[in-house]
Amino acid sequence: MKLSMNKGFYLLVLSVLTLSSCLSGDDEEQVYYNDTALTAFKLGSLSRTMHTTSSTGEDSTYTTTVAGSAYAFTIDQQQGLVYNVDSLPLGTNVSKVVFTATTKNSGSLVLKLRTKDGLRDSLTVYSGTDSIDFTEPLECRVYNQTGTAYRKYMVDVRVHQQNGDDFHWAKASLTTDEIADLLAKRNQPSDVNGVIGSDGLDAASDWLPTADLNLVELPLKTNADAYRKILVGNRSVDDFAADTTAMVWCKIVDSDDANQTWFFYTPSASNRSQLPRMSHVQVAVYGDLLIAIGGQGLGACTVEPYKHFYVSEDNGLTWHPSEKIVFPDGFTADGRYALVTNDQFLWLIDEVGGQAWRGYLNKMKWEAK
């Protein structure tokens, strides 16, 4: 605990503490503590500027609200640092921040602020309603009850400088063995019966895919000991020429019952966001997303080959062409492509020509650090 302090400010802090003591009642014995510390720090509501593009291609902005309390702050007592491990979203305004702080033994929180003319620093007791500029790390002090000493902290309110949903591709030079290792990470069964085994089905077995099989797993957000198995593929073109969508099945697997029923996402006119029936369809898990690509449409499906990356945020029930993830420069749709995830990266590999691209969402790289 640092013991030196400005004499004038000592008198100010002491006068505040003395006033508080008087207001507590003449018959109460006041006990003062010499030690103190910052024990909690929490942001209030913050504004965030968002950028969007209209249907005519014009850029515009709008303002939304960020719940600052959702971003926990770490207090390093040894080094005197206060910071949020998870940065606030890009565009969050931290120039006018209201926050709450808790101190040990009712210590007084004092901020070291620049005067309006910007020429010198001034020490200000924080009231809890003041709007504070945190665009740069800010020094704060917690004075003990007697005003004889304080602990100093640097508060760093961190804001992302990149959009977490921005996606980036880079061309990768891989050896034949490296490509083989990546392709081996896919789970593409050759026989659907080996996938289903003795499990029950909630629909007729005629709806099971028999070609272009992909079997992926997604953690269950509500149960750390359970996960979803998702089976995606196509039915025979000869036997089911009228199909326009891929067949998607799902089941929950947990430690108590590994043989639960497979549920079929039945194609219907009411669900217009189903995965198209594409040749050589590829499905990969990336974070909490399912991502799919495929070649020329099969049967009654007329989609162009490798037109979009299709993304599902609801475990394969609905699929939408991604606006964030698009095919990289130099990509041509006349290849046969594999889609593989490895750690925070998404790999796009031409299985015939050997070309490869490695991509990532910014937020996936942040989470990996």
Protein backbone atom coordinates (compact mmCIF):
# COMPACT_ATOMS: atom_id res chain seq x y z
CA MET A 1 0.00 0.00 0.00
CA LYS A 2 1.44 3.35 -1.02
CA LEU A 3 1.75 5.78 1.90
CA SER A 4 2.53 9.12 0.25
CA MET A 5 -0.30 11.41 -0.79
CA ASN A 6 -1.14 14.99 -1.66
CA LYS A 7 -1.79 16.99 1.51
CA GLY A 8 -4.68 18.98 0.05
CA PHE A 9 -6.40 15.92 -1.26
CA TYR A 10 -5.82 14.15 2.06
CA LEU A 11 -7.88 16.89 3.73
CA LEU A 12 -10.64 16.49 1.13
CA VAL A 13 -10.89 12.73 1.62
CA LEU A 14 -10.72 13.10 5.38
CA SER A 15 -13.52 15.67 5.34
CA VAL A 16 -15.75 13.32 3.33
CA LEU A 17 -15.08 10.51 5.80
CA THR A 18 -15.67 12.77 8.77
CA LEU A 19 -19.02 13.93 7.35
CA SER A 20 -20.06 10.31 6.85
CA SER A 21 -19.10 9.58 10.46
CA CYS A 22 -21.21 12.47 11.78
CA LEU A 23 -24.24 11.40 9.81
CA SER A 24 -24.08 7.90 11.30
CA GLY A 25 -25.19 9.16 14.75
CA ASP A 26 -23.54 10.68 17.82
CA ASP A 27 -24.03 7.61 20.00
CA GLU A 28 -22.24 5.18 17.67
CA GLU A 29 -18.54 4.47 18.05
CA GLN A 30 -16.85 4.78 14.64
CA VAL A 31 -14.15 2.20 13.83
CA TYR A 32 -11.62 3.14 11.15
CA TYR A 33 -9.63 0.66 9.03
CA ASN A 34 -6.22 1.36 7.60
CA ASP A 35 -6.30 -1.27 4.86
CA THR A 36 -8.43 -1.20 1.73
CA ALA A 37 -8.55 -2.46 -1.86
CA LEU A 38 -10.71 -2.51 -4.96
CA THR A 39 -12.71 -5.76 -4.84
CA ALA A 40 -15.20 -5.47 -7.74
CA PHE A 41 -15.60 -3.43 -10.93
CA LYS A 42 -18.61 -3.54 -13.25
CA LEU A 43 -19.65 -1.48 -16.28
CA GLY A 44 -23.13 -0.11 -16.88
CA SER A 45 -24.95 0.08 -20.23
CA LEU A 46 -22.85 1.22 -23.17
CA SER A 47 -23.68 2.45 -26.67
CA ARG A 48 -22.33 0.79 -29.79
CA THR A 49 -22.25 2.10 -33.35
CA MET A 50 -23.14 -0.53 -35.94
CA HIS A 51 -22.49 -0.36 -39.68
CA THR A 52 -24.87 -1.83 -42.22
CA THR A 53 -25.50 -1.82 -45.95
CA SER A 54 -28.94 -1.09 -47.38
CA SER A 55 -30.58 -3.06 -50.20
CA THR A 56 -29.31 -0.38 -52.60
CA GLY A 57 -25.73 -0.82 -51.43
CA GLU A 58 -25.52 2.39 -49.38
CA ASP A 59 -23.60 2.32 -46.11
CA SER A 60 -25.34 3.56 -42.98
CA THR A 61 -24.95 3.39 -39.21
CA TYR A 62 -27.21 2.89 -36.25
CA THR A 63 -26.74 2.74 -32.49
CA THR A 64 -27.47 -0.18 -30.22
CA THR A 65 -26.87 -0.99 -26.55
CA VAL A 66 -24.22 -3.23 -25.01
CA ALA A 67 -24.75 -4.71 -21.54
CA GLY A 68 -21.44 -3.83 -19.93
CA SER A 69 -22.23 -6.02 -16.93
CA ALA A 70 -21.88 -9.08 -19.18
CA TYR A 71 -18.13 -8.45 -19.46
CA ALA A 72 -16.36 -9.55 -16.30
CA PHE A 73 -13.35 -7.60 -15.02
CA THR A 74 -10.22 -9.12 -13.53
CA ILE A 75 -8.56 -7.32 -10.62
CA ASP A 76 -4.86 -8.11 -10.28
CA GLN A 77 -4.01 -6.95 -6.75
CA GLN A 78 -0.30 -7.70 -7.13
CA GLN A 79 0.23 -5.56 -10.21
CA GLY A 80 -2.61 -3.12 -9.64
CA LEU A 81 -4.34 -3.87 -12.95
CA VAL A 82 -8.06 -3.96 -13.72
CA TYR A 83 -9.15 -5.24 -17.15
CA ASN A 84 -11.75 -7.23 -19.06
CA VAL A 85 -10.43 -10.49 -20.55
CA ASP A 86 -13.26 -10.58 -23.09
CA SER A 87 -13.04 -7.34 -25.04
CA LEU A 88 -16.14 -5.28 -25.73
CA PRO A 89 -17.49 -5.49 -29.29
CA LEU A 90 -16.09 -3.35 -32.09
CA GLY A 91 -17.71 0.08 -32.13
CA THR A 92 -18.51 0.25 -28.41
CA ASN A 93 -18.26 3.81 -27.08
CA VAL A 94 -16.15 3.89 -23.91
CA SER A 95 -15.69 7.65 -23.79
CA LYS A 96 -18.75 8.05 -21.53
CA VAL A 97 -18.89 5.16 -19.10
CA VAL A 98 -20.82 4.80 -15.87
CA PHE A 99 -19.57 1.98 -13.65
CA THR A 100 -19.93 0.57 -10.16
CA ALA A 101 -17.05 -0.41 -7.91
CA THR A 102 -16.79 -2.14 -4.54
CA THR A 103 -13.98 -1.50 -2.09
CA LYS A 104 -12.74 -3.26 1.03
CA ASN A 105 -13.60 -1.62 4.34
CA SER A 106 -15.59 1.14 2.57
CA GLY A 107 -12.53 2.72 1.01
CA SER A 108 -13.02 5.84 -1.12
CA LEU A 109 -12.57 5.50 -4.88
CA VAL A 110 -10.69 8.37 -6.47
CA LEU A 111 -10.03 8.88 -10.18
CA LYS A 112 -7.04 10.65 -11.69
CA LEU A 113 -8.60 12.71 -14.48
CA ARG A 114 -7.29 15.32 -16.89
CA THR A 115 -8.61 18.83 -16.42
CA LYS A 116 -10.79 20.23 -19.20
CA ASP A 117 -7.88 22.23 -20.58
CA GLY A 118 -5.87 18.97 -20.76
CA LEU A 119 -2.87 20.58 -19.11
CA ARG A 120 -2.82 18.79 -15.75
CA ASP A 121 -4.27 15.94 -13.73
CA SER A 122 -6.86 16.28 -11.00
CA LEU A 123 -8.02 13.82 -8.36
CA THR A 124 -11.80 13.35 -8.19
CA VAL A 125 -13.87 11.24 -5.81
CA TYR A 126 -16.08 8.99 -7.95
CA SER A 127 -19.78 9.42 -7.23
CA GLY A 128 -21.20 6.39 -9.08
CA THR A 129 -23.13 8.55 -11.54
CA ASP A 130 -20.23 10.31 -13.25
CA SER A 131 -19.58 9.57 -16.92
CA ILE A 132 -15.92 8.63 -17.31
CA ASP A 133 -13.70 8.46 -20.41
CA PHE A 134 -11.98 5.06 -20.68
CA THR A 135 -10.60 5.41 -24.20
CA GLU A 136 -7.18 5.21 -22.54
CA PRO A 137 -6.17 3.27 -19.39
CA LEU A 138 -7.17 5.32 -16.35
CA GLU A 139 -5.49 5.52 -12.95
CA CYS A 140 -7.75 5.13 -9.94
CA ARG A 141 -6.96 5.02 -6.25
CA VAL A 142 -8.72 3.49 -3.27
CA TYR A 143 -8.05 5.45 -0.07
CA ASN A 144 -8.41 3.88 3.34
CA GLN A 145 -10.90 5.22 5.88
CA THR A 146 -8.39 7.44 7.63
CA GLY A 147 -7.17 8.93 4.36
CA THR A 148 -3.57 8.10 5.20
CA ALA A 149 -2.80 5.70 2.38
CA TYR A 150 -4.15 4.31 -0.88
CA ARG A 151 -3.84 1.49 -3.38
CA LYS A 152 -3.30 2.48 -7.00
CA TYR A 153 -4.85 0.66 -10.00
CA MET A 154 -4.76 1.12 -13.76
CA VAL A 155 -8.17 0.39 -15.30
CA ASP A 156 -8.04 -0.81 -18.91
CA VAL A 157 -11.45 -1.13 -20.62
CA ARG A 158 -10.66 -3.18 -23.71
CA VAL A 159 -12.58 -2.92 -26.98
CA HIS A 160 -12.11 -5.13 -30.02
CA GLN A 161 -10.56 -3.35 -32.99
CA GLN A 162 -11.86 -5.98 -35.42
CA ASN A 163 -15.29 -7.37 -36.22
CA GLY A 164 -15.54 -10.87 -34.76
CA ASP A 165 -17.67 -12.07 -37.67
CA ASP A 166 -15.22 -11.01 -40.39
CA PHE A 167 -13.80 -14.01 -42.24
CA HIS A 168 -10.37 -14.24 -43.87
CA TRP A 169 -8.85 -16.67 -46.38
CA ALA A 170 -5.19 -17.29 -47.16
CA LYS A 171 -3.72 -19.61 -49.78
CA ALA A 172 -1.84 -22.50 -48.17
CA SER A 173 0.96 -24.61 -49.59
CA LEU A 174 0.55 -28.17 -48.28
CA THR A 175 2.35 -31.40 -48.96
CA THR A 176 0.46 -34.49 -50.06
CA ASP A 177 0.82 -35.94 -46.57
CA GLU A 178 -0.50 -32.75 -44.94
CA ILE A 179 -3.54 -32.79 -47.21
CA ALA A 180 -4.13 -36.46 -46.39
CA ASP A 181 -3.94 -35.71 -42.66
CA LEU A 182 -6.55 -32.97 -42.97
CA LEU A 183 -8.89 -35.05 -45.10
CA ALA A 184 -8.67 -37.85 -42.54
CA LYS A 185 -10.31 -35.56 -39.97
CA ARG A 186 -13.62 -35.82 -41.82
CA ASN A 187 -16.15 -38.44 -40.74
CA GLN A 188 -17.76 -39.61 -43.96
CA PRO A 189 -19.21 -43.11 -43.45
CA SER A 190 -19.61 -45.41 -46.42
CA ASP A 191 -22.68 -47.20 -45.06
CA VAL A 192 -25.61 -45.53 -43.30
CA ASN A 193 -26.52 -48.79 -41.55
CA GLY A 194 -23.23 -48.64 -39.71
CA VAL A 195 -24.21 -45.20 -38.43
CA ILE A 196 -27.74 -46.03 -37.33
CA GLY A 197 -27.03 -49.50 -35.93
CA SER A 198 -29.82 -50.58 -33.60
CA ASP A 199 -31.01 -47.01 -32.88
CA GLY A 200 -34.64 -46.16 -33.39
CA LEU A 201 -35.93 -43.82 -36.13
CA ASP A 202 -38.81 -41.38 -35.86
CA ALA A 203 -39.49 -41.63 -39.61
CA ALA A 204 -39.40 -44.32 -42.28
CA SER A 205 -35.96 -45.65 -43.17
CA ASP A 206 -36.64 -44.63 -46.79
CA TRP A 207 -35.70 -41.11 -45.72
CA LEU A 208 -32.17 -42.11 -44.72
CA PRO A 209 -29.38 -40.79 -46.95
CA THR A 210 -27.28 -43.38 -48.74
CA ALA A 211 -24.70 -41.22 -50.56
CA ASP A 212 -22.38 -38.30 -49.75
CA LEU A 213 -22.65 -39.12 -46.04
CA ASN A 214 -21.36 -36.68 -43.41
CA LEU A 215 -21.47 -37.42 -39.68
CA VAL A 216 -20.61 -34.54 -37.35
CA GLU A 217 -20.95 -33.82 -33.64
CA LEU A 218 -22.00 -30.65 -31.82
CA PRO A 219 -21.73 -30.15 -28.04
CA LEU A 220 -25.04 -29.72 -26.25
CA LYS A 221 -25.10 -26.24 -24.68
CA THR A 222 -27.44 -27.32 -21.89
CA ASN A 223 -25.51 -30.44 -20.85
CA ALA A 224 -21.74 -30.72 -20.84
CA ASP A 225 -21.98 -34.53 -20.82
CA ALA A 226 -24.12 -34.75 -23.96
CA TYR A 227 -23.80 -33.91 -27.63
CA ARG A 228 -25.70 -34.07 -30.91
CA LYS A 229 -24.85 -36.39 -33.75
CA ILE A 230 -25.95 -34.97 -37.08
CA LEU A 231 -26.12 -37.08 -40.23
CA VAL A 232 -26.29 -35.31 -43.59
CA GLY A 233 -26.34 -36.82 -47.07
CA ASN A 234 -28.35 -37.56 -50.20
CA ARG A 235 -30.73 -40.28 -51.28
CA SER A 236 -30.21 -42.21 -54.50
CA VAL A 237 -30.84 -40.09 -57.59
CA ASP A 238 -32.17 -43.15 -59.44
CA ASP A 239 -34.75 -43.95 -56.77
CA PHE A 240 -35.62 -40.41 -55.59
CA ALA A 241 -35.19 -38.09 -58.56
CA ALA A 242 -37.67 -35.53 -57.20
CA ASP A 243 -35.62 -34.67 -54.10
CA THR A 244 -34.47 -31.06 -53.94
CA THR A 245 -32.89 -31.11 -50.48
CA ALA A 246 -30.31 -33.11 -48.57
CA MET A 247 -31.50 -35.52 -45.87
CA VAL A 248 -30.67 -34.36 -42.33
CA TRP A 249 -31.05 -36.53 -39.21
CA CYS A 250 -30.14 -35.79 -35.61
CA LYS A 251 -29.93 -37.57 -32.27
CA ILE A 252 -28.78 -36.73 -28.75
CA VAL A 253 -26.04 -38.84 -27.18
CA ASP A 254 -25.36 -38.80 -23.45
CA SER A 255 -23.72 -41.01 -20.84
CA ASP A 256 -27.03 -42.46 -19.69
CA ASP A 257 -28.46 -43.57 -23.02
CA ALA A 258 -26.29 -43.85 -26.13
CA ASN A 259 -29.07 -45.42 -28.20
CA GLN A 260 -31.61 -42.65 -28.38
CA THR A 261 -33.88 -42.17 -31.38
CA TRP A 262 -32.73 -40.46 -34.55
CA PHE A 263 -35.00 -37.55 -35.53
CA PHE A 264 -35.56 -36.61 -39.16
CA TYR A 265 -35.81 -32.98 -40.26
CA THR A 266 -38.65 -33.64 -42.68
CA PRO A 267 -38.51 -31.54 -45.89
CA SER A 268 -41.56 -29.31 -46.06
CA ALA A 269 -42.85 -26.34 -48.00
CA SER A 270 -43.03 -24.33 -44.78
CA ASN A 271 -39.26 -24.60 -44.31
CA ARG A 272 -37.75 -22.72 -47.22
CA SER A 273 -34.26 -22.74 -45.74
CA GLN A 274 -33.22 -26.35 -46.17
CA LEU A 275 -29.84 -27.57 -47.36
CA PRO A 276 -29.91 -28.04 -51.15
CA ARG A 277 -29.30 -31.48 -52.61
CA MET A 278 -25.76 -31.03 -53.94
CA SER A 279 -23.27 -33.53 -55.27
CA HIS A 280 -20.31 -34.29 -53.01
CA VAL A 281 -21.90 -32.30 -50.19
CA GLN A 282 -19.46 -31.52 -47.36
CA VAL A 283 -20.45 -30.58 -43.80
CA ALA A 284 -18.10 -29.34 -41.07
CA VAL A 285 -18.49 -28.01 -37.54
CA TYR A 286 -16.91 -24.60 -37.02
CA GLY A 287 -17.37 -23.21 -33.53
CA ASP A 288 -21.08 -23.60 -32.86
CA LEU A 289 -21.96 -23.46 -36.55
CA LEU A 290 -22.57 -26.13 -39.17
CA ILE A 291 -21.09 -25.14 -42.53
CA ALA A 292 -21.77 -26.94 -45.82
CA ILE A 293 -20.69 -26.70 -49.45
CA GLY A 294 -21.43 -28.83 -52.46
CA GLY A 295 -21.19 -29.24 -56.21
CA GLN A 296 -23.87 -29.27 -58.89
CA GLY A 297 -27.44 -29.77 -57.74
CA LEU A 298 -28.74 -33.34 -58.04
CA GLY A 299 -32.11 -34.60 -59.26
CA ALA A 300 -34.68 -31.82 -59.07
CA CYS A 301 -32.21 -29.45 -57.37
CA THR A 302 -30.76 -26.93 -59.82
CA VAL A 303 -28.26 -24.98 -57.68
CA GLU A 304 -24.94 -24.08 -59.26
CA PRO A 305 -21.81 -25.87 -58.02
CA TYR A 306 -20.00 -24.22 -55.09
CA LYS A 307 -22.21 -21.14 -55.26
CA HIS A 308 -22.41 -20.55 -51.51
CA PHE A 309 -21.23 -21.60 -48.10
CA TYR A 310 -24.42 -22.69 -46.32
CA VAL A 311 -24.53 -22.04 -42.56
CA SER A 312 -26.82 -23.55 -39.93
CA GLU A 313 -27.10 -22.03 -36.46
CA ASP A 314 -29.83 -24.42 -35.27
CA ASN A 315 -28.17 -27.85 -35.50
CA GLY A 316 -29.02 -28.48 -39.16
CA LEU A 317 -32.71 -27.58 -39.16
CA THR A 318 -32.33 -24.51 -41.36
CA TRP A 319 -29.51 -23.41 -43.68
CA HIS A 320 -28.74 -20.00 -45.15
CA PRO A 321 -26.18 -18.80 -47.70
CA SER A 322 -23.49 -17.05 -45.69
CA GLU A 323 -22.85 -13.36 -46.26
CA LYS A 324 -19.62 -13.47 -44.25
CA ILE A 325 -17.98 -16.61 -45.61
CA VAL A 326 -17.49 -16.54 -49.37
CA PHE A 327 -15.16 -18.48 -51.64
CA PRO A 328 -11.58 -17.17 -51.75
CA ASP A 329 -9.82 -15.41 -54.59
CA GLY A 330 -8.51 -17.89 -57.13
CA PHE A 331 -11.25 -20.43 -56.41
CA THR A 332 -12.94 -22.07 -59.41
CA ALA A 333 -16.10 -24.14 -59.25
CA ASP A 334 -14.86 -26.92 -61.54
CA GLY A 335 -12.97 -28.81 -58.83
CA ARG A 336 -14.03 -31.36 -56.21
CA TYR A 337 -13.67 -29.74 -52.82
CA ALA A 338 -13.41 -30.92 -49.24
CA LEU A 339 -14.34 -28.85 -46.20
CA VAL A 340 -12.41 -29.56 -43.00
CA THR A 341 -12.06 -27.86 -39.62
CA ASN A 342 -8.91 -28.01 -37.54
CA ASP A 343 -8.75 -25.99 -34.32
CA GLN A 344 -9.78 -22.40 -35.13
CA PHE A 345 -9.32 -22.83 -38.87
CA LEU A 346 -11.61 -23.83 -41.73
CA TRP A 347 -9.85 -25.57 -44.61
CA LEU A 348 -11.01 -25.67 -48.23
CA ILE A 349 -9.12 -28.30 -50.21
CA ASP A 350 -9.30 -29.27 -53.88
CA GLU A 351 -9.14 -33.05 -53.68
CA VAL A 352 -8.09 -33.33 -57.34
CA GLY A 353 -5.84 -30.32 -57.97
CA GLY A 354 -4.30 -30.15 -54.49
CA GLN A 355 -4.96 -26.45 -53.92
CA ALA A 356 -5.79 -25.44 -50.36
CA TRP A 357 -7.00 -22.38 -48.49
CA ARG A 358 -7.03 -21.79 -44.75
CA GLY A 359 -9.67 -19.45 -43.32
CA TYR A 360 -10.89 -18.19 -39.98
CA LEU A 361 -13.42 -15.96 -38.28
CA ASN A 362 -11.75 -13.32 -36.12
CA LYS A 363 -13.68 -14.42 -33.04
CA MET A 364 -12.45 -18.00 -33.44
CA LYS A 365 -8.84 -16.81 -33.26
CA TRP A 366 -9.66 -14.67 -30.22
CA GLU A 367 -11.15 -17.68 -28.42
CA ALA A 368 -8.09 -19.78 -29.25
CA LYS A 369 -5.69 -17.35 -27.55
